[in-house]
Amino acid sequence: MAWIIIPLIVGMVFSTIVRFALGHSPLWTYDFAYMLGGSFFMLGAAYTLRLRYHVRIDMLYGRWPPRMKAAIDVFFGLLFFFPILIWLWLHSIEHAMFSWQIKERAVESVLRSIVYPFKTVIPVAILLLLLQGVAEFLRSLFALVRGREP
């Protein structure tokens, strides 16, 4: 997913050069930036979870033994993480399908760019985050039972 940043940088540099040369940015700049930037951000969430870079309250969590950390992760995973992400995933699929059905276009854009491929990224990103969440959950269960990280 990190490769998405390359066309984003190239496009934004090009847009900046055009803006300085001609006095205005190309019309596609806004759509390009929010679609690629949003995709980069959303698709990177699962990788960020894998690296354990998501925000935690480390002043408490960092001092706990592995078994206590695992118990907290399992508890809050079952209570919040999985129910919320499953609900979001199901609703995002509905929105993406509807967007494809009506061939949705951006209303805030001068170009009225198509947005249904971008809306498809949302359920894909949530599914990737759920899959990584399952891996983290299993890792936490292992730590809870064994008292150490796998």
C-alpha atoms as a PDB file:
ATOM      1  CA  MET A   1       0.000   0.000   0.000  1.00  0.00           C
ATOM      2  CA  ALA A   2       2.949   2.285   0.547  1.00  0.00           C
ATOM      3  CA  TRP A   3       3.429   2.587  -3.219  1.00  0.00           C
ATOM      4  CA  ILE A   4       0.305   4.752  -3.363  1.00  0.00           C
ATOM      5  CA  ILE A   5       2.403   7.572  -1.957  1.00  0.00           C
ATOM      6  CA  ILE A   6       4.579   7.747  -5.116  1.00  0.00           C
ATOM      7  CA  PRO A   7       1.843   8.853  -7.548  1.00  0.00           C
ATOM      8  CA  LEU A   8       0.435  11.093  -4.830  1.00  0.00           C
ATOM      9  CA  ILE A   9       3.759  12.896  -4.427  1.00  0.00           C
ATOM     10  CA  VAL A  10       4.322  13.126  -8.190  1.00  0.00           C
ATOM     11  CA  GLY A  11       0.813  14.468  -8.747  1.00  0.00           C
ATOM     12  CA  MET A  12       1.056  17.035  -5.963  1.00  0.00           C
ATOM     13  CA  VAL A  13       4.513  18.228  -7.096  1.00  0.00           C
ATOM     14  CA  PHE A  14       3.203  18.567 -10.655  1.00  0.00           C
ATOM     15  CA  SER A  15       0.150  20.455  -9.382  1.00  0.00           C
ATOM     16  CA  THR A  16       2.359  22.811  -7.368  1.00  0.00           C
ATOM     17  CA  ILE A  17       4.616  23.538 -10.348  1.00  0.00           C
ATOM     18  CA  VAL A  18       1.567  24.228 -12.541  1.00  0.00           C
ATOM     19  CA  ARG A  19       0.097  26.491  -9.862  1.00  0.00           C
ATOM     20  CA  PHE A  20       3.266  28.581  -9.693  1.00  0.00           C
ATOM     21  CA  ALA A  21       3.679  28.643 -13.480  1.00  0.00           C
ATOM     22  CA  LEU A  22       0.059  29.369 -14.432  1.00  0.00           C
ATOM     23  CA  GLY A  23      -1.346  30.916 -11.274  1.00  0.00           C
ATOM     24  CA  HIS A  24      -3.901  28.138 -10.619  1.00  0.00           C
ATOM     25  CA  SER A  25      -3.865  24.427  -9.825  1.00  0.00           C
ATOM     26  CA  PRO A  26      -5.209  21.814 -12.235  1.00  0.00           C
ATOM     27  CA  LEU A  27      -8.873  20.963 -11.655  1.00  0.00           C
ATOM     28  CA  TRP A  28      -8.097  17.365 -10.757  1.00  0.00           C
ATOM     29  CA  THR A  29      -5.837  18.238  -7.801  1.00  0.00           C
ATOM     30  CA  TYR A  30      -8.497  18.117  -5.075  1.00  0.00           C
ATOM     31  CA  ASP A  31     -10.031  14.809  -6.207  1.00  0.00           C
ATOM     32  CA  PHE A  32      -6.621  13.252  -6.762  1.00  0.00           C
ATOM     33  CA  ALA A  33      -5.332  14.284  -3.329  1.00  0.00           C
ATOM     34  CA  TYR A  34      -8.300  13.152  -1.253  1.00  0.00           C
ATOM     35  CA  MET A  35      -8.807   9.866  -3.107  1.00  0.00           C
ATOM     36  CA  LEU A  36      -5.184   8.746  -3.106  1.00  0.00           C
ATOM     37  CA  GLY A  37      -4.438  10.259   0.301  1.00  0.00           C
ATOM     38  CA  GLY A  38      -7.545   8.684   1.807  1.00  0.00           C
ATOM     39  CA  SER A  39      -6.744   5.309   0.252  1.00  0.00           C
ATOM     40  CA  PHE A  40      -3.169   5.478   1.540  1.00  0.00           C
ATOM     41  CA  PHE A  41      -4.393   6.320   5.035  1.00  0.00           C
ATOM     42  CA  MET A  42      -7.147   3.676   5.171  1.00  0.00           C
ATOM     43  CA  LEU A  43      -5.176   0.841   3.589  1.00  0.00           C
ATOM     44  CA  GLY A  44      -2.273   1.523   5.940  1.00  0.00           C
ATOM     45  CA  ALA A  45      -4.370   0.994   9.083  1.00  0.00           C
ATOM     46  CA  ALA A  46      -3.909  -2.801   9.149  1.00  0.00           C
ATOM     47  CA  TYR A  47      -0.154  -2.482   8.666  1.00  0.00           C
ATOM     48  CA  THR A  48      -0.020   0.091  11.445  1.00  0.00           C
ATOM     49  CA  LEU A  49      -1.861  -2.346  13.732  1.00  0.00           C
ATOM     50  CA  ARG A  50       0.603  -5.085  12.794  1.00  0.00           C
ATOM     51  CA  LEU A  51       3.504  -2.865  13.834  1.00  0.00           C
ATOM     52  CA  ARG A  52       1.609  -1.870  17.001  1.00  0.00           C
ATOM     53  CA  TYR A  53       1.824   1.833  16.190  1.00  0.00           C
ATOM     54  CA  HIS A  54      -1.802   2.586  17.037  1.00  0.00           C
ATOM     55  CA  VAL A  55      -2.334   4.897  19.974  1.00  0.00           C
ATOM     56  CA  ARG A  56      -2.365   3.378  23.454  1.00  0.00           C
ATOM     57  CA  ILE A  57      -2.123   4.818  26.907  1.00  0.00           C
ATOM     58  CA  ASP A  58       1.459   3.643  27.347  1.00  0.00           C
ATOM     59  CA  MET A  59       1.997   5.151  30.769  1.00  0.00           C
ATOM     60  CA  LEU A  60      -0.141   2.289  32.134  1.00  0.00           C
ATOM     61  CA  TYR A  61      -0.119  -0.352  29.422  1.00  0.00           C
ATOM     62  CA  GLY A  62       3.662  -0.303  28.954  1.00  0.00           C
ATOM     63  CA  ARG A  63       4.265  -1.217  32.601  1.00  0.00           C
ATOM     64  CA  TRP A  64       1.933  -4.199  32.764  1.00  0.00           C
ATOM     65  CA  PRO A  65       3.187  -7.786  32.438  1.00  0.00           C
ATOM     66  CA  PRO A  66       2.469  -9.599  29.136  1.00  0.00           C
ATOM     67  CA  ARG A  67      -0.450 -11.588  30.586  1.00  0.00           C
ATOM     68  CA  MET A  68      -2.211  -8.408  31.811  1.00  0.00           C
ATOM     69  CA  LYS A  69      -1.655  -6.674  28.452  1.00  0.00           C
ATOM     70  CA  ALA A  70      -3.074  -9.726  26.688  1.00  0.00           C
ATOM     71  CA  ALA A  71      -6.142  -9.810  28.953  1.00  0.00           C
ATOM     72  CA  ILE A  72      -6.849  -6.130  28.231  1.00  0.00           C
ATOM     73  CA  ASP A  73      -6.342  -6.636  24.481  1.00  0.00           C
ATOM     74  CA  VAL A  74      -8.642  -9.680  24.395  1.00  0.00           C
ATOM     75  CA  PHE A  75     -11.330  -7.975  26.472  1.00  0.00           C
ATOM     76  CA  PHE A  76     -11.413  -4.729  24.504  1.00  0.00           C
ATOM     77  CA  GLY A  77     -11.032  -6.565  21.207  1.00  0.00           C
ATOM     78  CA  LEU A  78     -14.195  -8.538  21.916  1.00  0.00           C
ATOM     79  CA  LEU A  79     -16.037  -5.593  23.445  1.00  0.00           C
ATOM     80  CA  PHE A  80     -15.167  -2.817  20.967  1.00  0.00           C
ATOM     81  CA  PHE A  81     -12.779  -3.654  18.134  1.00  0.00           C
ATOM     82  CA  PHE A  82     -14.572  -6.551  16.452  1.00  0.00           C
ATOM     83  CA  PRO A  83     -18.189  -5.403  16.924  1.00  0.00           C
ATOM     84  CA  ILE A  84     -17.473  -1.872  15.677  1.00  0.00           C
ATOM     85  CA  LEU A  85     -15.366  -2.963  12.711  1.00  0.00           C
ATOM     86  CA  ILE A  86     -17.826  -5.673  11.661  1.00  0.00           C
ATOM     87  CA  TRP A  87     -20.664  -3.134  11.792  1.00  0.00           C
ATOM     88  CA  LEU A  88     -18.590  -0.611   9.804  1.00  0.00           C
ATOM     89  CA  TRP A  89     -17.586  -3.264   7.270  1.00  0.00           C
ATOM     90  CA  LEU A  90     -21.177  -4.359   6.636  1.00  0.00           C
ATOM     91  CA  HIS A  91     -22.386  -0.791   6.206  1.00  0.00           C
ATOM     92  CA  SER A  92     -19.437   0.211   4.045  1.00  0.00           C
ATOM     93  CA  ILE A  93     -20.194  -2.696   1.692  1.00  0.00           C
ATOM     94  CA  GLU A  94     -23.760  -1.392   1.338  1.00  0.00           C
ATOM     95  CA  HIS A  95     -22.502   2.115   0.599  1.00  0.00           C
ATOM     96  CA  ALA A  96     -19.918   0.895  -1.906  1.00  0.00           C
ATOM     97  CA  MET A  97     -22.477  -1.271  -3.720  1.00  0.00           C
ATOM     98  CA  PHE A  98     -24.945   1.604  -3.860  1.00  0.00           C
ATOM     99  CA  SER A  99     -22.206   3.905  -5.140  1.00  0.00           C
ATOM    100  CA  TRP A 100     -21.468   1.436  -7.965  1.00  0.00           C
ATOM    101  CA  GLN A 101     -25.155   1.079  -8.779  1.00  0.00           C
ATOM    102  CA  ILE A 102     -25.706   4.803  -9.221  1.00  0.00           C
ATOM    103  CA  LYS A 103     -22.224   5.400 -10.700  1.00  0.00           C
ATOM    104  CA  GLU A 104     -21.670   8.025  -8.015  1.00  0.00           C
ATOM    105  CA  ARG A 105     -19.698  11.150  -8.795  1.00  0.00           C
ATOM    106  CA  ALA A 106     -18.181  13.728  -6.467  1.00  0.00           C
ATOM    107  CA  VAL A 107     -20.556  16.630  -5.884  1.00  0.00           C
ATOM    108  CA  GLU A 108     -17.935  18.933  -4.358  1.00  0.00           C
ATOM    109  CA  SER A 109     -15.678  18.639  -7.396  1.00  0.00           C
ATOM    110  CA  VAL A 110     -15.658  20.748 -10.515  1.00  0.00           C
ATOM    111  CA  LEU A 111     -14.792  17.652 -12.538  1.00  0.00           C
ATOM    112  CA  ARG A 112     -17.480  15.504 -10.894  1.00  0.00           C
ATOM    113  CA  SER A 113     -14.980  12.632 -10.646  1.00  0.00           C
ATOM    114  CA  ILE A 114     -16.178   9.083 -10.178  1.00  0.00           C
ATOM    115  CA  VAL A 115     -15.994   8.041  -6.524  1.00  0.00           C
ATOM    116  CA  TYR A 116     -17.251   4.447  -6.523  1.00  0.00           C
ATOM    117  CA  PRO A 117     -13.747   2.923  -6.841  1.00  0.00           C
ATOM    118  CA  PHE A 118     -12.662   5.086  -3.908  1.00  0.00           C
ATOM    119  CA  LYS A 119     -15.704   4.009  -1.878  1.00  0.00           C
ATOM    120  CA  THR A 120     -14.734   0.388  -2.583  1.00  0.00           C
ATOM    121  CA  VAL A 121     -11.423   0.988  -0.804  1.00  0.00           C
ATOM    122  CA  ILE A 122     -13.311   1.543   2.466  1.00  0.00           C
ATOM    123  CA  PRO A 123     -14.681  -2.021   2.938  1.00  0.00           C
ATOM    124  CA  VAL A 124     -11.403  -3.473   1.626  1.00  0.00           C
ATOM    125  CA  ALA A 125      -9.418  -1.462   4.189  1.00  0.00           C
ATOM    126  CA  ILE A 126     -11.793  -2.436   6.994  1.00  0.00           C
ATOM    127  CA  LEU A 127     -11.547  -6.107   5.996  1.00  0.00           C
ATOM    128  CA  LEU A 128      -7.740  -5.916   6.060  1.00  0.00           C
ATOM    129  CA  LEU A 129      -7.921  -4.265   9.482  1.00  0.00           C
ATOM    130  CA  LEU A 130     -10.278  -7.015  10.695  1.00  0.00           C
ATOM    131  CA  LEU A 131      -7.940  -9.736   9.434  1.00  0.00           C
ATOM    132  CA  GLN A 132      -4.991  -8.122  11.167  1.00  0.00           C
ATOM    133  CA  GLY A 133      -7.183  -7.744  14.257  1.00  0.00           C
ATOM    134  CA  VAL A 134      -7.795 -11.499  14.229  1.00  0.00           C
ATOM    135  CA  ALA A 135      -4.034 -12.090  14.101  1.00  0.00           C
ATOM    136  CA  GLU A 136      -3.496  -9.675  17.001  1.00  0.00           C
ATOM    137  CA  PHE A 137      -6.361 -11.291  18.930  1.00  0.00           C
ATOM    138  CA  LEU A 138      -4.835 -14.764  18.500  1.00  0.00           C
ATOM    139  CA  ARG A 139      -1.444 -13.389  19.551  1.00  0.00           C
ATOM    140  CA  SER A 140      -3.064 -11.915  22.666  1.00  0.00           C
ATOM    141  CA  LEU A 141      -4.834 -15.192  23.451  1.00  0.00           C
ATOM    142  CA  PHE A 142      -1.513 -16.995  23.207  1.00  0.00           C
ATOM    143  CA  ALA A 143       0.072 -14.463  25.577  1.00  0.00           C
ATOM    144  CA  LEU A 144      -2.875 -14.758  27.968  1.00  0.00           C
ATOM    145  CA  VAL A 145      -2.584 -18.528  28.154  1.00  0.00           C
ATOM    146  CA  ARG A 146       1.222 -18.824  28.063  1.00  0.00           C
ATOM    147  CA  GLY A 147       2.146 -15.603  29.866  1.00  0.00           C
ATOM    148  CA  ARG A 148       4.510 -14.490  27.109  1.00  0.00           C
ATOM    149  CA  GLU A 149       4.398 -13.124  23.571  1.00  0.00           C
ATOM    150  CA  PRO A 150       4.452 -15.728  20.787  1.00  0.00           C
END
